[in-house]
N, C-alpha and C. Protein backbone atom coordinates (compact mmCIF):
# COMPACT_ATOMS: atom_id res chain seq x y z
N MET A 1 53.85 -22.71 11.86
CA MET A 1 52.30 -22.83 11.20
C MET A 1 52.80 -22.57 9.94
N THR A 2 52.48 -23.83 9.07
CA THR A 2 52.50 -23.70 7.59
C THR A 2 51.41 -23.17 7.10
N ALA A 3 51.65 -22.47 5.43
CA ALA A 3 50.52 -22.00 4.87
C ALA A 3 49.49 -22.49 4.91
N THR A 4 49.26 -23.95 4.67
CA THR A 4 47.95 -24.99 4.48
C THR A 4 47.00 -24.50 6.07
N GLU A 5 48.19 -24.67 6.99
CA GLU A 5 47.68 -24.46 8.46
C GLU A 5 46.91 -23.35 8.44
N LYS A 6 47.55 -21.96 7.95
CA LYS A 6 46.87 -20.68 7.83
C LYS A 6 45.93 -20.41 7.27
N GLN A 7 46.00 -21.03 6.01
CA GLN A 7 44.60 -20.88 4.98
C GLN A 7 43.66 -21.32 5.79
N ASN A 8 43.43 -22.95 6.49
CA ASN A 8 42.70 -23.70 7.02
C ASN A 8 42.01 -22.13 8.05
N GLU A 9 43.01 -21.65 8.70
CA GLU A 9 42.40 -20.55 10.14
C GLU A 9 41.57 -19.80 9.45
N LEU A 10 42.35 -19.26 8.96
CA LEU A 10 41.27 -17.95 7.56
C LEU A 10 40.14 -18.54 6.98
N TYR A 11 39.81 -19.86 6.62
CA TYR A 11 38.71 -20.55 6.00
C TYR A 11 37.42 -20.51 7.18
N ASN A 12 38.32 -20.79 8.47
CA ASN A 12 37.20 -21.02 9.34
C ASN A 12 36.95 -19.70 10.01
N LYS A 13 37.60 -18.86 10.24
CA LYS A 13 37.15 -17.47 10.61
C LYS A 13 36.35 -16.84 9.67
N ILE A 14 36.52 -16.83 8.48
CA ILE A 14 35.71 -16.53 7.31
C ILE A 14 34.00 -17.00 7.81
N LEU A 15 34.08 -18.67 7.63
CA LEU A 15 33.07 -19.32 7.93
C LEU A 15 32.15 -18.78 9.45
N LYS A 16 33.17 -18.62 10.24
CA LYS A 16 32.21 -18.24 11.55
C LYS A 16 31.58 -16.84 11.31
N GLY A 17 32.49 -16.12 10.55
CA GLY A 17 32.03 -14.37 10.22
C GLY A 17 30.48 -14.61 9.32
N LEU A 18 30.30 -15.36 8.43
CA LEU A 18 29.55 -15.57 7.67
C LEU A 18 27.67 -16.13 8.36
N ASP A 19 28.51 -17.17 9.34
CA ASP A 19 27.52 -17.06 10.02
C ASP A 19 26.57 -16.61 11.24
N LYS A 20 27.61 -15.50 11.59
CA LYS A 20 27.16 -14.41 12.50
C LYS A 20 26.18 -13.21 11.64
N VAL A 21 27.08 -12.79 10.16
CA VAL A 21 26.02 -12.02 9.46
C VAL A 21 24.95 -12.98 8.92
N TYR A 22 24.63 -13.83 8.72
CA TYR A 22 23.29 -14.91 8.71
C TYR A 22 22.61 -14.38 9.71
N GLU A 23 22.68 -15.09 10.71
CA GLU A 23 22.02 -14.86 12.15
C GLU A 23 21.62 -13.48 12.34
N LYS A 24 22.59 -12.10 11.82
CA LYS A 24 21.80 -10.96 12.00
C LYS A 24 21.20 -10.34 11.24
N LEU A 25 21.00 -11.34 9.81
CA LEU A 25 20.36 -10.85 8.91
C LEU A 25 18.79 -11.63 9.34
N VAL A 26 18.97 -12.58 9.87
CA VAL A 26 17.43 -13.16 9.73
C VAL A 26 16.50 -12.36 10.97
N GLU A 27 17.61 -11.92 12.09
CA GLU A 27 17.28 -11.20 12.87
C GLU A 27 16.35 -10.06 12.57
N TYR A 28 17.24 -9.16 11.34
CA TYR A 28 16.54 -8.06 11.23
C TYR A 28 15.32 -8.27 10.07
N LYS A 29 15.52 -9.23 9.40
CA LYS A 29 14.19 -9.49 8.78
C LYS A 29 13.02 -10.08 9.42
N LYS A 30 13.32 -10.31 10.45
CA LYS A 30 11.89 -10.91 11.62
C LYS A 30 11.36 -9.45 12.49
N GLN A 31 12.35 -8.40 12.46
CA GLN A 31 11.91 -7.19 13.30
C GLN A 31 11.10 -6.18 11.96
N LYS A 32 11.71 -6.41 10.83
CA LYS A 32 11.05 -5.46 9.41
C LYS A 32 9.76 -6.23 9.26
N LYS A 33 9.77 -7.69 9.63
CA LYS A 33 8.65 -8.29 8.56
C LYS A 33 8.88 -8.67 7.59
N SER A 34 9.99 -8.58 6.77
CA SER A 34 9.98 -8.89 5.19
C SER A 34 10.55 -10.14 5.21
N GLU A 35 10.55 -10.69 3.80
CA GLU A 35 11.17 -11.62 3.61
C GLU A 35 12.66 -11.84 2.87
N ILE A 36 13.12 -12.70 3.26
CA ILE A 36 14.18 -13.19 2.16
C ILE A 36 14.50 -13.90 1.15
N VAL A 37 15.10 -13.42 0.21
CA VAL A 37 14.74 -14.00 -1.46
C VAL A 37 16.50 -14.61 -1.49
N VAL A 38 16.44 -16.30 -2.09
CA VAL A 38 17.34 -16.95 -1.71
C VAL A 38 17.08 -16.99 -3.16
N LEU A 39 18.13 -17.92 -3.76
CA LEU A 39 18.14 -18.73 -4.88
C LEU A 39 18.41 -20.39 -4.67
N LYS A 40 17.19 -21.14 -4.99
CA LYS A 40 17.29 -22.62 -4.70
C LYS A 40 16.95 -23.63 -5.44
N ASP A 41 17.74 -24.11 -6.06
CA ASP A 41 17.64 -25.17 -7.27
C ASP A 41 17.27 -24.67 -8.47
N GLY A 42 17.99 -23.29 -8.80
CA GLY A 42 17.72 -22.60 -9.84
C GLY A 42 16.81 -21.85 -10.06
N LYS A 43 15.86 -21.65 -8.74
CA LYS A 43 14.91 -20.64 -9.19
C LYS A 43 14.92 -19.62 -7.71
N ILE A 44 14.21 -18.81 -7.78
CA ILE A 44 14.10 -17.84 -6.83
C ILE A 44 12.77 -18.21 -5.62
N LYS A 45 13.39 -18.07 -4.73
CA LYS A 45 12.46 -18.17 -3.77
C LYS A 45 12.27 -16.95 -3.06
N ARG A 46 11.11 -16.99 -2.29
CA ARG A 46 11.19 -15.76 -0.97
C ARG A 46 10.42 -16.65 0.49
N ILE A 47 11.36 -16.30 1.39
CA ILE A 47 11.06 -17.42 2.65
C ILE A 47 10.70 -16.16 3.47
N LYS A 48 9.52 -16.12 4.54
CA LYS A 48 9.42 -15.61 5.98
C LYS A 48 10.18 -16.19 6.68
N PRO A 49 11.04 -15.16 7.38
CA PRO A 49 11.35 -15.71 8.74
C PRO A 49 10.72 -16.05 9.51
N GLU A 50 11.05 -16.90 10.58
CA GLU A 50 9.60 -16.85 11.85
C GLU A 50 10.83 -17.22 13.04
């Protein structure tokens, strides 16, 4: 396995981990009935998870 392949594999694992964290965050925010705060187009937005 080359260094580039190792980097790609690590990159893919990191992305999968971030997806799981995002899903758990949305579930947590739904349970607590609180908003998610994001930065979009240079502005702070508050989103209610549904």
